[in-house]
C-alpha atoms as a PDB file:
ATOM      1  CA  MET A   1       0.000   0.000   0.000  1.00  0.00           C
ATOM      2  CA  LYS A   2       1.482   3.329  -1.101  1.00  0.00           C
ATOM      3  CA  VAL A   3       0.715   7.004  -0.737  1.00  0.00           C
ATOM      4  CA  LEU A   4      -2.095   8.089  -3.116  1.00  0.00           C
ATOM      5  CA  ASP A   5      -3.467   4.551  -3.544  1.00  0.00           C
ATOM      6  CA  LYS A   6      -7.270   4.420  -3.552  1.00  0.00           C
ATOM      7  CA  VAL A   7      -8.498   2.040  -0.847  1.00  0.00           C
ATOM      8  CA  LYS A   8     -11.769   0.537   0.353  1.00  0.00           C
ATOM      9  CA  PHE A   9     -12.673  -0.306   3.953  1.00  0.00           C
ATOM     10  CA  ILE A  10     -13.362  -4.039   4.214  1.00  0.00           C
ATOM     11  CA  LYS A  11     -13.770  -4.409   7.976  1.00  0.00           C
ATOM     12  CA  ASP A  12     -16.263  -2.848  10.359  1.00  0.00           C
ATOM     13  CA  ARG A  13     -14.850  -1.401  13.593  1.00  0.00           C
ATOM     14  CA  ALA A  14     -16.362   0.848  16.246  1.00  0.00           C
ATOM     15  CA  GLU A  15     -13.435   3.271  15.902  1.00  0.00           C
ATOM     16  CA  TYR A  16     -14.357   3.778  12.235  1.00  0.00           C
ATOM     17  CA  ARG A  17     -18.119   4.005  12.806  1.00  0.00           C
ATOM     18  CA  ASP A  18     -17.538   6.670  15.475  1.00  0.00           C
ATOM     19  CA  ARG A  19     -15.928   8.827  12.767  1.00  0.00           C
ATOM     20  CA  GLY A  20     -18.652   8.081  10.187  1.00  0.00           C
ATOM     21  CA  VAL A  21     -16.706   5.500   8.163  1.00  0.00           C
ATOM     22  CA  ASN A  22     -18.393   2.244   7.127  1.00  0.00           C
ATOM     23  CA  ILE A  23     -17.560  -0.913   5.177  1.00  0.00           C
ATOM     24  CA  GLY A  24     -17.315  -0.103   1.475  1.00  0.00           C
ATOM     25  CA  ASP A  25     -16.304   3.539   1.948  1.00  0.00           C
ATOM     26  CA  THR A  26     -13.358   4.517  -0.238  1.00  0.00           C
ATOM     27  CA  GLY A  27     -10.577   6.994   0.315  1.00  0.00           C
ATOM     28  CA  THR A  28      -7.018   7.932  -0.522  1.00  0.00           C
ATOM     29  CA  VAL A  29      -3.904   6.974   1.443  1.00  0.00           C
ATOM     30  CA  LEU A  30      -2.037  10.142   2.412  1.00  0.00           C
ATOM     31  CA  GLY A  31       0.694   8.796   4.635  1.00  0.00           C
ATOM     32  CA  GLU A  32       3.232   6.002   4.808  1.00  0.00           C
ATOM     33  CA  GLU A  33       2.440   2.959   6.939  1.00  0.00           C
ATOM     34  CA  ARG A  34       3.333   3.429  10.577  1.00  0.00           C
ATOM     35  CA  ASN A  35       2.809   0.757  13.244  1.00  0.00           C
ATOM     36  CA  GLY A  36       0.313  -1.031  10.997  1.00  0.00           C
ATOM     37  CA  TYR A  37      -1.766   2.115  10.293  1.00  0.00           C
ATOM     38  CA  VAL A  38      -2.041   4.544   7.388  1.00  0.00           C
ATOM     39  CA  LEU A  39      -3.739   7.927   7.125  1.00  0.00           C
ATOM     40  CA  VAL A  40      -6.779   7.735   4.842  1.00  0.00           C
ATOM     41  CA  VAL A  41      -8.845  10.692   3.657  1.00  0.00           C
ATOM     42  CA  ILE A  42     -12.425  10.158   2.527  1.00  0.00           C
ATOM     43  CA  GLU A  43     -13.620  12.988   0.322  1.00  0.00           C
ATOM     44  CA  GLY A  44     -16.849  14.616   1.384  1.00  0.00           C
ATOM     45  CA  GLU A  45     -18.797  17.602   0.161  1.00  0.00           C
ATOM     46  CA  ILE A  46     -17.919  21.286   0.076  1.00  0.00           C
ATOM     47  CA  TYR A  47     -20.562  23.621   1.466  1.00  0.00           C
ATOM     48  CA  GLN A  48     -20.940  27.206   2.577  1.00  0.00           C
ATOM     49  CA  ASN A  49     -22.006  27.758   6.175  1.00  0.00           C
ATOM     50  CA  LYS A  50     -24.324  30.493   7.463  1.00  0.00           C
ATOM     51  CA  ASP A  51     -21.391  32.924   7.790  1.00  0.00           C
ATOM     52  CA  GLY A  52     -20.358  32.414   4.160  1.00  0.00           C
ATOM     53  CA  VAL A  53     -17.303  30.319   5.030  1.00  0.00           C
ATOM     54  CA  TYR A  54     -16.621  27.333   2.798  1.00  0.00           C
ATOM     55  CA  CYS A  55     -16.294  24.069   4.729  1.00  0.00           C
ATOM     56  CA  THR A  56     -15.890  20.402   3.877  1.00  0.00           C
ATOM     57  CA  THR A  57     -17.176  17.108   5.218  1.00  0.00           C
ATOM     58  CA  ASP A  58     -13.923  15.258   4.442  1.00  0.00           C
ATOM     59  CA  ILE A  59     -12.955  12.591   6.982  1.00  0.00           C
ATOM     60  CA  ASP A  60      -9.339  11.814   7.805  1.00  0.00           C
ATOM     61  CA  ILE A  61      -8.724   8.693   9.813  1.00  0.00           C
ATOM     62  CA  GLY A  62      -5.911   6.425  10.844  1.00  0.00           C
ATOM     63  CA  ALA A  63      -6.882   3.010   9.493  1.00  0.00           C
ATOM     64  CA  ARG A  64      -5.387  -0.406  10.060  1.00  0.00           C
ATOM     65  CA  VAL A  65      -3.728  -1.700   6.892  1.00  0.00           C
ATOM     66  CA  GLU A  66      -5.380  -5.096   7.403  1.00  0.00           C
ATOM     67  CA  ASP A  67      -8.819  -3.412   7.184  1.00  0.00           C
ATOM     68  CA  LEU A  68      -8.178  -1.895   3.750  1.00  0.00           C
ATOM     69  CA  GLU A  69      -8.174  -3.205   0.201  1.00  0.00           C
ATOM     70  CA  VAL A  70      -6.357  -1.383  -2.597  1.00  0.00           C
ATOM     71  CA  VAL A  71      -8.887  -0.464  -5.284  1.00  0.00           C
ATOM     72  CA  LYS A  72      -6.542   1.508  -7.549  1.00  0.00           C
ATOM     73  CA  GLU A  73      -2.799   1.880  -7.275  1.00  0.00           C
ATOM     74  CA  SER A  74      -1.224   5.306  -7.639  1.00  0.00           C
END
């Protein structure tokens, strides 16, 4: 698994659900493996809040390598 690989979550864990990540969600690896984990970013939506500030619903999460499947290599 390398930086910028597209990955899919294949295992359900409470730590993922608590952050809004479920089986089948896909994201991009943004960090090298460290202690069996990689940083994965799941792209969300861009929206403008009531004050006119643009925000995003992206989720970044440390995921166990064993819980991910490479969908597309970088």
